[in-house]
Amino acid sequence: LNLAIAQKRTQGVSIQIRDGSRQASMVSVVIPEK
């Protein structure tokens, strides 16, 4: 996360969310840098 913060952006940041299981379902969401 700190590495992602170090990269300066002007737009929102896309993060991927997945559950911890083997067959992970993944969802991407854009959030503000703040």
PDB file of all heavy atoms in Angstrom:
ATOM      1  N   LEU A   1       0.823  -1.193   0.000  1.00  0.00           N
ATOM      2  CA  LEU A   1       0.000   0.000   0.000  1.00  0.00           C
ATOM      3  C   LEU A   1       0.870   1.261   0.000  1.00  0.00           C
ATOM      4  O   LEU A   1       0.593   2.211  -0.726  1.00  0.00           O
ATOM      5  CB  LEU A   1      -0.917  -0.017   1.229  1.00  0.00           C
ATOM      6  CG  LEU A   1      -2.165   0.843   1.169  1.00  0.00           C
ATOM      7  CD1 LEU A   1      -3.028   0.479  -0.015  1.00  0.00           C
ATOM      8  CD2 LEU A   1      -2.951   0.701   2.444  1.00  0.00           C
ATOM      9  N   ASN A   2       1.930   1.253   0.799  1.00  0.00           N
ATOM     10  CA  ASN A   2       2.837   2.405   0.838  1.00  0.00           C
ATOM     11  C   ASN A   2       3.532   2.607  -0.499  1.00  0.00           C
ATOM     12  O   ASN A   2       3.780   3.740  -0.916  1.00  0.00           O
ATOM     13  CB  ASN A   2       3.863   2.251   1.958  1.00  0.00           C
ATOM     14  CG  ASN A   2       3.249   2.497   3.318  1.00  0.00           C
ATOM     15  OD1 ASN A   2       2.290   3.252   3.453  1.00  0.00           O
ATOM     16  ND2 ASN A   2       3.784   1.860   4.340  1.00  0.00           N
ATOM     17  N   LEU A   3       3.846   1.537  -1.195  1.00  0.00           N
ATOM     18  CA  LEU A   3       4.442   1.621  -2.526  1.00  0.00           C
ATOM     19  C   LEU A   3       3.460   2.276  -3.495  1.00  0.00           C
ATOM     20  O   LEU A   3       3.836   3.124  -4.305  1.00  0.00           O
ATOM     21  CB  LEU A   3       4.844   0.227  -3.017  1.00  0.00           C
ATOM     22  CG  LEU A   3       5.550   0.154  -4.358  1.00  0.00           C
ATOM     23  CD1 LEU A   3       6.885   0.906  -4.298  1.00  0.00           C
ATOM     24  CD2 LEU A   3       5.794  -1.296  -4.742  1.00  0.00           C
ATOM     25  N   ALA A   4       2.196   1.895  -3.408  1.00  0.00           N
ATOM     26  CA  ALA A   4       1.163   2.486  -4.262  1.00  0.00           C
ATOM     27  C   ALA A   4       0.989   3.973  -3.957  1.00  0.00           C
ATOM     28  O   ALA A   4       0.786   4.777  -4.864  1.00  0.00           O
ATOM     29  CB  ALA A   4      -0.158   1.745  -4.077  1.00  0.00           C
ATOM     30  N   ILE A   5       1.118   4.355  -2.700  1.00  0.00           N
ATOM     31  CA  ILE A   5       0.987   5.761  -2.310  1.00  0.00           C
ATOM     32  C   ILE A   5       2.147   6.576  -2.868  1.00  0.00           C
ATOM     33  O   ILE A   5       1.985   7.731  -3.269  1.00  0.00           O
ATOM     34  CB  ILE A   5       0.894   5.894  -0.775  1.00  0.00           C
ATOM     35  CG1 ILE A   5      -0.458   5.369  -0.291  1.00  0.00           C
ATOM     36  CG2 ILE A   5       1.105   7.331  -0.326  1.00  0.00           C
ATOM     37  CD1 ILE A   5      -0.587   5.265   1.208  1.00  0.00           C
ATOM     38  N   ALA A   6       3.333   5.989  -2.917  1.00  0.00           N
ATOM     39  CA  ALA A   6       4.528   6.691  -3.391  1.00  0.00           C
ATOM     40  C   ALA A   6       4.410   7.091  -4.864  1.00  0.00           C
ATOM     41  O   ALA A   6       5.060   8.036  -5.299  1.00  0.00           O
ATOM     42  CB  ALA A   6       5.769   5.822  -3.178  1.00  0.00           C
ATOM     43  N   GLN A   7       3.588   6.387  -5.613  1.00  0.00           N
ATOM     44  CA  GLN A   7       3.381   6.722  -7.024  1.00  0.00           C
ATOM     45  C   GLN A   7       2.343   7.828  -7.101  1.00  0.00           C
ATOM     46  O   GLN A   7       1.178   7.609  -6.812  1.00  0.00           O
ATOM     47  CB  GLN A   7       2.918   5.493  -7.801  1.00  0.00           C
ATOM     48  CG  GLN A   7       3.898   4.351  -7.751  1.00  0.00           C
ATOM     49  CD  GLN A   7       3.311   3.062  -8.304  1.00  0.00           C
ATOM     50  OE1 GLN A   7       2.140   3.003  -8.665  1.00  0.00           O
ATOM     51  NE2 GLN A   7       4.140   2.033  -8.348  1.00  0.00           N
ATOM     52  N   LYS A   8       2.797   9.021  -7.484  1.00  0.00           N
ATOM     53  CA  LYS A   8       1.893  10.187  -7.515  1.00  0.00           C
ATOM     54  C   LYS A   8       0.869  10.046  -8.640  1.00  0.00           C
ATOM     55  O   LYS A   8       1.195   9.680  -9.753  1.00  0.00           O
ATOM     56  CB  LYS A   8       2.694  11.474  -7.708  1.00  0.00           C
ATOM     57  CG  LYS A   8       3.701  11.725  -6.615  1.00  0.00           C
ATOM     58  CD  LYS A   8       3.001  11.966  -5.303  1.00  0.00           C
ATOM     59  CE  LYS A   8       4.016  12.192  -4.199  1.00  0.00           C
ATOM     60  NZ  LYS A   8       3.469  12.134  -2.907  1.00  0.00           N
ATOM     61  N   ARG A   9      -0.377  10.360  -8.326  1.00  0.00           N
ATOM     62  CA  ARG A   9      -1.462  10.283  -9.297  1.00  0.00           C
ATOM     63  C   ARG A   9      -2.329  11.521  -9.205  1.00  0.00           C
ATOM     64  O   ARG A   9      -2.363  12.179  -8.180  1.00  0.00           O
ATOM     65  CB  ARG A   9      -2.344   9.063  -9.009  1.00  0.00           C
ATOM     66  CG  ARG A   9      -1.661   7.753  -9.153  1.00  0.00           C
ATOM     67  CD  ARG A   9      -2.616   6.661  -8.654  1.00  0.00           C
ATOM     68  NE  ARG A   9      -1.937   5.414  -8.579  1.00  0.00           N
ATOM     69  CZ  ARG A   9      -1.136   5.046  -7.571  1.00  0.00           C
ATOM     70  NH1 ARG A   9      -0.928   5.858  -6.572  1.00  0.00           N
ATOM     71  NH2 ARG A   9      -0.548   3.876  -7.582  1.00  0.00           N
ATOM     72  N   THR A  10      -3.033  11.781 -10.298  1.00  0.00           N
ATOM     73  CA  THR A  10      -3.986  12.886 -10.272  1.00  0.00           C
ATOM     74  C   THR A  10      -5.416  12.371 -10.202  1.00  0.00           C
ATOM     75  O   THR A  10      -6.320  13.097  -9.850  1.00  0.00           O
ATOM     76  CB  THR A  10      -3.840  13.780 -11.521  1.00  0.00           C
ATOM     77  OG1 THR A  10      -4.008  12.961 -12.684  1.00  0.00           O
ATOM     78  CG2 THR A  10      -2.473  14.450 -11.553  1.00  0.00           C
ATOM     79  N   GLN A  11      -5.601  11.112 -10.550  1.00  0.00           N
ATOM     80  CA  GLN A  11      -6.925  10.497 -10.539  1.00  0.00           C
ATOM     81  C   GLN A  11      -7.057   9.580  -9.332  1.00  0.00           C
ATOM     82  O   GLN A  11      -6.147   9.458  -8.525  1.00  0.00           O
ATOM     83  CB  GLN A  11      -7.144   9.701 -11.825  1.00  0.00           C
ATOM     84  CG  GLN A  11      -7.054  10.533 -13.076  1.00  0.00           C
ATOM     85  CD  GLN A  11      -8.183  11.546 -13.178  1.00  0.00           C
ATOM     86  OE1 GLN A  11      -9.320  11.266 -12.812  1.00  0.00           O
ATOM     87  NE2 GLN A  11      -7.873  12.738 -13.662  1.00  0.00           N
ATOM     88  N   GLY A  12      -8.143   8.870  -9.261  1.00  0.00           N
ATOM     89  CA  GLY A  12      -8.348   7.893  -8.210  1.00  0.00           C
ATOM     90  C   GLY A  12      -7.414   6.706  -8.379  1.00  0.00           C
ATOM     91  O   GLY A  12      -6.683   6.583  -9.362  1.00  0.00           O
ATOM     92  N   VAL A  13      -7.448   5.821  -7.409  1.00  0.00           N
ATOM     93  CA  VAL A  13      -6.589   4.649  -7.391  1.00  0.00           C
ATOM     94  C   VAL A  13      -7.479   3.412  -7.496  1.00  0.00           C
ATOM     95  O   VAL A  13      -8.477   3.300  -6.793  1.00  0.00           O
ATOM     96  CB  VAL A  13      -5.789   4.598  -6.069  1.00  0.00           C
ATOM     97  CG1 VAL A  13      -4.918   3.371  -6.019  1.00  0.00           C
ATOM     98  CG2 VAL A  13      -4.968   5.854  -5.899  1.00  0.00           C
ATOM     99  N   SER A  14      -7.098   2.482  -8.363  1.00  0.00           N
ATOM    100  CA  SER A  14      -7.848   1.244  -8.500  1.00  0.00           C
ATOM    101  C   SER A  14      -7.230   0.195  -7.584  1.00  0.00           C
ATOM    102  O   SER A  14      -6.025  -0.051  -7.631  1.00  0.00           O
ATOM    103  CB  SER A  14      -7.804   0.759  -9.952  1.00  0.00           C
ATOM    104  OG  SER A  14      -8.483  -0.468 -10.066  1.00  0.00           O
ATOM    105  N   ILE A  15      -8.047  -0.389  -6.732  1.00  0.00           N
ATOM    106  CA  ILE A  15      -7.561  -1.467  -5.864  1.00  0.00           C
ATOM    107  C   ILE A  15      -8.391  -2.703  -6.143  1.00  0.00           C
ATOM    108  O   ILE A  15      -9.542  -2.616  -6.570  1.00  0.00           O
ATOM    109  CB  ILE A  15      -7.614  -1.096  -4.362  1.00  0.00           C
ATOM    110  CG1 ILE A  15      -9.038  -0.808  -3.899  1.00  0.00           C
ATOM    111  CG2 ILE A  15      -6.709   0.083  -4.063  1.00  0.00           C
ATOM    112  CD1 ILE A  15      -9.164  -0.640  -2.407  1.00  0.00           C
ATOM    113  N   GLN A  16      -7.793  -3.842  -5.908  1.00  0.00           N
ATOM    114  CA  GLN A  16      -8.496  -5.107  -6.109  1.00  0.00           C
ATOM    115  C   GLN A  16      -8.766  -5.727  -4.745  1.00  0.00           C
ATOM    116  O   GLN A  16      -7.892  -5.759  -3.881  1.00  0.00           O
ATOM    117  CB  GLN A  16      -7.659  -6.056  -6.956  1.00  0.00           C
ATOM    118  CG  GLN A  16      -7.487  -5.577  -8.371  1.00  0.00           C
ATOM    119  CD  GLN A  16      -6.676  -6.556  -9.207  1.00  0.00           C
ATOM    120  OE1 GLN A  16      -6.016  -7.436  -8.682  1.00  0.00           O
ATOM    121  NE2 GLN A  16      -6.753  -6.382 -10.514  1.00  0.00           N
ATOM    122  N   ILE A  17      -9.961  -6.229  -4.595  1.00  0.00           N
ATOM    123  CA  ILE A  17     -10.370  -6.845  -3.336  1.00  0.00           C
ATOM    124  C   ILE A  17     -10.722  -8.293  -3.639  1.00  0.00           C
ATOM    125  O   ILE A  17     -11.473  -8.589  -4.567  1.00  0.00           O
ATOM    126  CB  ILE A  17     -11.590  -6.120  -2.737  1.00  0.00           C
ATOM    127  CG1 ILE A  17     -11.259  -4.650  -2.522  1.00  0.00           C
ATOM    128  CG2 ILE A  17     -12.014  -6.784  -1.439  1.00  0.00           C
ATOM    129  CD1 ILE A  17     -12.453  -3.804  -2.158  1.00  0.00           C
ATOM    130  N   ARG A  18     -10.158  -9.194  -2.854  1.00  0.00           N
ATOM    131  CA  ARG A  18     -10.489 -10.606  -3.017  1.00  0.00           C
ATOM    132  C   ARG A  18     -10.575 -11.242  -1.641  1.00  0.00           C
ATOM    133  O   ARG A  18      -9.966 -10.780  -0.681  1.00  0.00           O
ATOM    134  CB  ARG A  18      -9.471 -11.323  -3.891  1.00  0.00           C
ATOM    135  CG  ARG A  18      -8.119 -11.409  -3.267  1.00  0.00           C
ATOM    136  CD  ARG A  18      -7.170 -12.164  -4.135  1.00  0.00           C
ATOM    137  NE  ARG A  18      -5.908 -12.253  -3.409  1.00  0.00           N
ATOM    138  CZ  ARG A  18      -4.932 -13.019  -3.740  1.00  0.00           C
ATOM    139  NH1 ARG A  18      -5.028 -13.786  -4.786  1.00  0.00           N
ATOM    140  NH2 ARG A  18      -3.834 -13.056  -3.047  1.00  0.00           N
ATOM    141  N   ASP A  19     -11.309 -12.339  -1.569  1.00  0.00           N
ATOM    142  CA  ASP A  19     -11.367 -13.037  -0.292  1.00  0.00           C
ATOM    143  C   ASP A  19     -10.126 -13.916  -0.174  1.00  0.00           C
ATOM    144  O   ASP A  19      -9.397 -14.123  -1.133  1.00  0.00           O
ATOM    145  CB  ASP A  19     -12.667 -13.831  -0.135  1.00  0.00           C
ATOM    146  CG  ASP A  19     -12.825 -14.933  -1.160  1.00  0.00           C
ATOM    147  OD1 ASP A  19     -11.815 -15.355  -1.755  1.00  0.00           O
ATOM    148  OD2 ASP A  19     -13.966 -15.386  -1.366  1.00  0.00           O
ATOM    149  N   GLY A  20      -9.866 -14.408   0.993  1.00  0.00           N
ATOM    150  CA  GLY A  20      -8.645 -15.158   1.250  1.00  0.00           C
ATOM    151  C   GLY A  20      -8.688 -16.623   0.863  1.00  0.00           C
ATOM    152  O   GLY A  20      -7.728 -17.347   1.086  1.00  0.00           O
ATOM    153  N   SER A  21      -9.768 -17.058   0.252  1.00  0.00           N
ATOM    154  CA  SER A  21      -9.876 -18.484  -0.072  1.00  0.00           C
ATOM    155  C   SER A  21      -9.044 -18.840  -1.303  1.00  0.00           C
ATOM    156  O   SER A  21      -8.574 -17.984  -2.018  1.00  0.00           O
ATOM    157  CB  SER A  21     -11.340 -18.869  -0.301  1.00  0.00           C
ATOM    158  OG  SER A  21     -11.808 -18.256  -1.487  1.00  0.00           O
ATOM    159  N   ARG A  22      -8.876 -20.122  -1.540  1.00  0.00           N
ATOM    160  CA  ARG A  22      -8.120 -20.629  -2.692  1.00  0.00           C
ATOM    161  C   ARG A  22      -8.732 -20.148  -4.003  1.00  0.00           C
ATOM    162  O   ARG A  22      -8.055 -19.740  -4.909  1.00  0.00           O
ATOM    163  CB  ARG A  22      -8.130 -22.159  -2.707  1.00  0.00           C
ATOM    164  CG  ARG A  22      -7.027 -22.926  -2.072  1.00  0.00           C
ATOM    165  CD  ARG A  22      -5.722 -22.427  -2.344  1.00  0.00           C
ATOM    166  NE  ARG A  22      -4.693 -23.437  -2.538  1.00  0.00           N
ATOM    167  CZ  ARG A  22      -3.462 -23.082  -2.752  1.00  0.00           C
ATOM    168  NH1 ARG A  22      -3.152 -21.821  -2.821  1.00  0.00           N
ATOM    169  NH2 ARG A  22      -2.543 -23.982  -2.909  1.00  0.00           N
ATOM    170  N   GLN A  23     -10.048 -20.273  -4.093  1.00  0.00           N
ATOM    171  CA  GLN A  23     -10.746 -19.858  -5.306  1.00  0.00           C
ATOM    172  C   GLN A  23     -11.245 -18.431  -5.094  1.00  0.00           C
ATOM    173  O   GLN A  23     -12.417 -18.191  -4.885  1.00  0.00           O
ATOM    174  CB  GLN A  23     -11.907 -20.801  -5.593  1.00  0.00           C
ATOM    175  CG  GLN A  23     -11.458 -22.233  -5.785  1.00  0.00           C
ATOM    176  CD  GLN A  23     -12.613 -23.203  -5.659  1.00  0.00           C
ATOM    177  OE1 GLN A  23     -13.658 -22.875  -5.120  1.00  0.00           O
ATOM    178  NE2 GLN A  23     -12.404 -24.413  -6.149  1.00  0.00           N
ATOM    179  N   ALA A  24     -10.301 -17.530  -5.147  1.00  0.00           N
ATOM    180  CA  ALA A  24     -10.591 -16.147  -4.788  1.00  0.00           C
ATOM    181  C   ALA A  24     -11.414 -15.445  -5.858  1.00  0.00           C
ATOM    182  O   ALA A  24     -11.053 -15.431  -7.019  1.00  0.00           O
ATOM    183  CB  ALA A  24      -9.292 -15.392  -4.563  1.00  0.00           C
ATOM    184  N   SER A  25     -12.528 -14.883  -5.432  1.00  0.00           N
ATOM    185  CA  SER A  25     -13.282 -14.004  -6.318  1.00  0.00           C
ATOM    186  C   SER A  25     -12.705 -12.607  -6.131  1.00  0.00           C
ATOM    187  O   SER A  25     -12.366 -12.212  -5.021  1.00  0.00           O
ATOM    188  CB  SER A  25     -14.765 -14.036  -5.973  1.00  0.00           C
ATOM    189  OG  SER A  25     -14.955 -13.624  -4.640  1.00  0.00           O
ATOM    190  N   MET A  26     -12.538 -11.872  -7.224  1.00  0.00           N
ATOM    191  CA  MET A  26     -11.867 -10.588  -7.162  1.00  0.00           C
ATOM    192  C   MET A  26     -12.767  -9.488  -7.717  1.00  0.00           C
ATOM    193  O   MET A  26     -13.459  -9.692  -8.713  1.00  0.00           O
ATOM    194  CB  MET A  26     -10.565 -10.649  -7.966  1.00  0.00           C
ATOM    195  CG  MET A  26      -9.648  -9.506  -7.652  1.00  0.00           C
ATOM    196  SD  MET A  26      -8.040  -9.626  -8.463  1.00  0.00           S
ATOM    197  CE  MET A  26      -7.493 -11.245  -8.037  1.00  0.00           C
ATOM    198  N   VAL A  27     -12.731  -8.346  -7.060  1.00  0.00           N
ATOM    199  CA  VAL A  27     -13.492  -7.181  -7.477  1.00  0.00           C
ATOM    200  C   VAL A  27     -12.529  -6.005  -7.506  1.00  0.00           C
ATOM    201  O   VAL A  27     -11.704  -5.837  -6.603  1.00  0.00           O
ATOM    202  CB  VAL A  27     -14.640  -6.888  -6.471  1.00  0.00           C
ATOM    203  CG1 VAL A  27     -15.348  -5.617  -6.819  1.00  0.00           C
ATOM    204  CG2 VAL A  27     -15.598  -8.049  -6.399  1.00  0.00           C
ATOM    205  N   SER A  28     -12.613  -5.165  -8.538  1.00  0.00           N
ATOM    206  CA  SER A  28     -11.801  -3.949  -8.606  1.00  0.00           C
ATOM    207  C   SER A  28     -12.687  -2.760  -8.294  1.00  0.00           C
ATOM    208  O   SER A  28     -13.852  -2.709  -8.709  1.00  0.00           O
ATOM    209  CB  SER A  28     -11.200  -3.769  -9.999  1.00  0.00           C
ATOM    210  OG  SER A  28     -10.212  -4.729 -10.229  1.00  0.00           O
ATOM    211  N   VAL A  29     -12.125  -1.800  -7.582  1.00  0.00           N
ATOM    212  CA  VAL A  29     -12.855  -0.583  -7.241  1.00  0.00           C
ATOM    213  C   VAL A  29     -11.882   0.595  -7.292  1.00  0.00           C
ATOM    214  O   VAL A  29     -10.703   0.448  -6.978  1.00  0.00           O
ATOM    215  CB  VAL A  29     -13.526  -0.716  -5.841  1.00  0.00           C
ATOM    216  CG1 VAL A  29     -12.499  -0.868  -4.749  1.00  0.00           C
ATOM    217  CG2 VAL A  29     -14.432   0.458  -5.559  1.00  0.00           C
ATOM    218  N   VAL A  30     -12.375   1.736  -7.734  1.00  0.00           N
ATOM    219  CA  VAL A  30     -11.557   2.948  -7.777  1.00  0.00           C
ATOM    220  C   VAL A  30     -11.918   3.787  -6.562  1.00  0.00           C
ATOM    221  O   VAL A  30     -13.095   4.042  -6.290  1.00  0.00           O
ATOM    222  CB  VAL A  30     -11.809   3.745  -9.080  1.00  0.00           C
ATOM    223  CG1 VAL A  30     -11.017   5.042  -9.072  1.00  0.00           C
ATOM    224  CG2 VAL A  30     -11.447   2.908 -10.292  1.00  0.00           C
ATOM    225  N   ILE A  31     -10.873   4.196  -5.810  1.00  0.00           N
ATOM    226  CA  ILE A  31     -11.076   5.024  -4.620  1.00  0.00           C
ATOM    227  C   ILE A  31     -10.235   6.291  -4.741  1.00  0.00           C
ATOM    228  O   ILE A  31      -9.220   6.294  -5.445  1.00  0.00           O
ATOM    229  CB  ILE A  31     -10.726   4.261  -3.319  1.00  0.00           C
ATOM    230  CG1 ILE A  31      -9.237   3.873  -3.290  1.00  0.00           C
ATOM    231  CG2 ILE A  31     -11.608   3.042  -3.150  1.00  0.00           C
ATOM    232  CD1 ILE A  31      -8.780   3.318  -1.961  1.00  0.00           C
ATOM    233  N   PRO A  32     -10.608   7.356  -4.066  1.00  0.00           N
ATOM    234  CA  PRO A  32      -9.784   8.565  -4.075  1.00  0.00           C
ATOM    235  C   PRO A  32      -8.433   8.296  -3.413  1.00  0.00           C
ATOM    236  O   PRO A  32      -8.325   7.451  -2.517  1.00  0.00           O
ATOM    237  CB  PRO A  32     -10.592   9.566  -3.240  1.00  0.00           C
ATOM    238  CG  PRO A  32     -11.955   8.997  -3.136  1.00  0.00           C
ATOM    239  CD  PRO A  32     -11.839   7.520  -3.306  1.00  0.00           C
ATOM    240  N   GLU A  33      -7.409   9.010  -3.849  1.00  0.00           N
ATOM    241  CA  GLU A  33      -6.075   8.798  -3.288  1.00  0.00           C
ATOM    242  C   GLU A  33      -6.049   9.087  -1.791  1.00  0.00           C
ATOM    243  O   GLU A  33      -5.349   8.416  -1.033  1.00  0.00           O
ATOM    244  CB  GLU A  33      -5.043   9.659  -4.011  1.00  0.00           C
ATOM    245  CG  GLU A  33      -3.633   9.283  -3.617  1.00  0.00           C
ATOM    246  CD  GLU A  33      -2.572   9.905  -4.496  1.00  0.00           C
ATOM    247  OE1 GLU A  33      -2.901  10.457  -5.541  1.00  0.00           O
ATOM    248  OE2 GLU A  33      -1.396   9.831  -4.091  1.00  0.00           O
ATOM    249  N   LYS A  34      -6.832  10.060  -1.333  1.00  0.00           N
ATOM    250  CA  LYS A  34      -6.889  10.352   0.109  1.00  0.00           C
ATOM    251  C   LYS A  34      -7.393   9.147   0.896  1.00  0.00           C
ATOM    252  O   LYS A  34      -6.954   8.899   2.009  1.00  0.00           O
ATOM    253  CB  LYS A  34      -7.766  11.572   0.381  1.00  0.00           C
ATOM    254  CG  LYS A  34      -7.128  12.873  -0.047  1.00  0.00           C
ATOM    255  CD  LYS A  34      -7.994  14.056   0.305  1.00  0.00           C
ATOM    256  CE  LYS A  34      -7.328  15.329  -0.154  1.00  0.00           C
ATOM    257  NZ  LYS A  34      -8.059  16.521   0.242  1.00  0.00           N
TER     258      LYS A  34
END
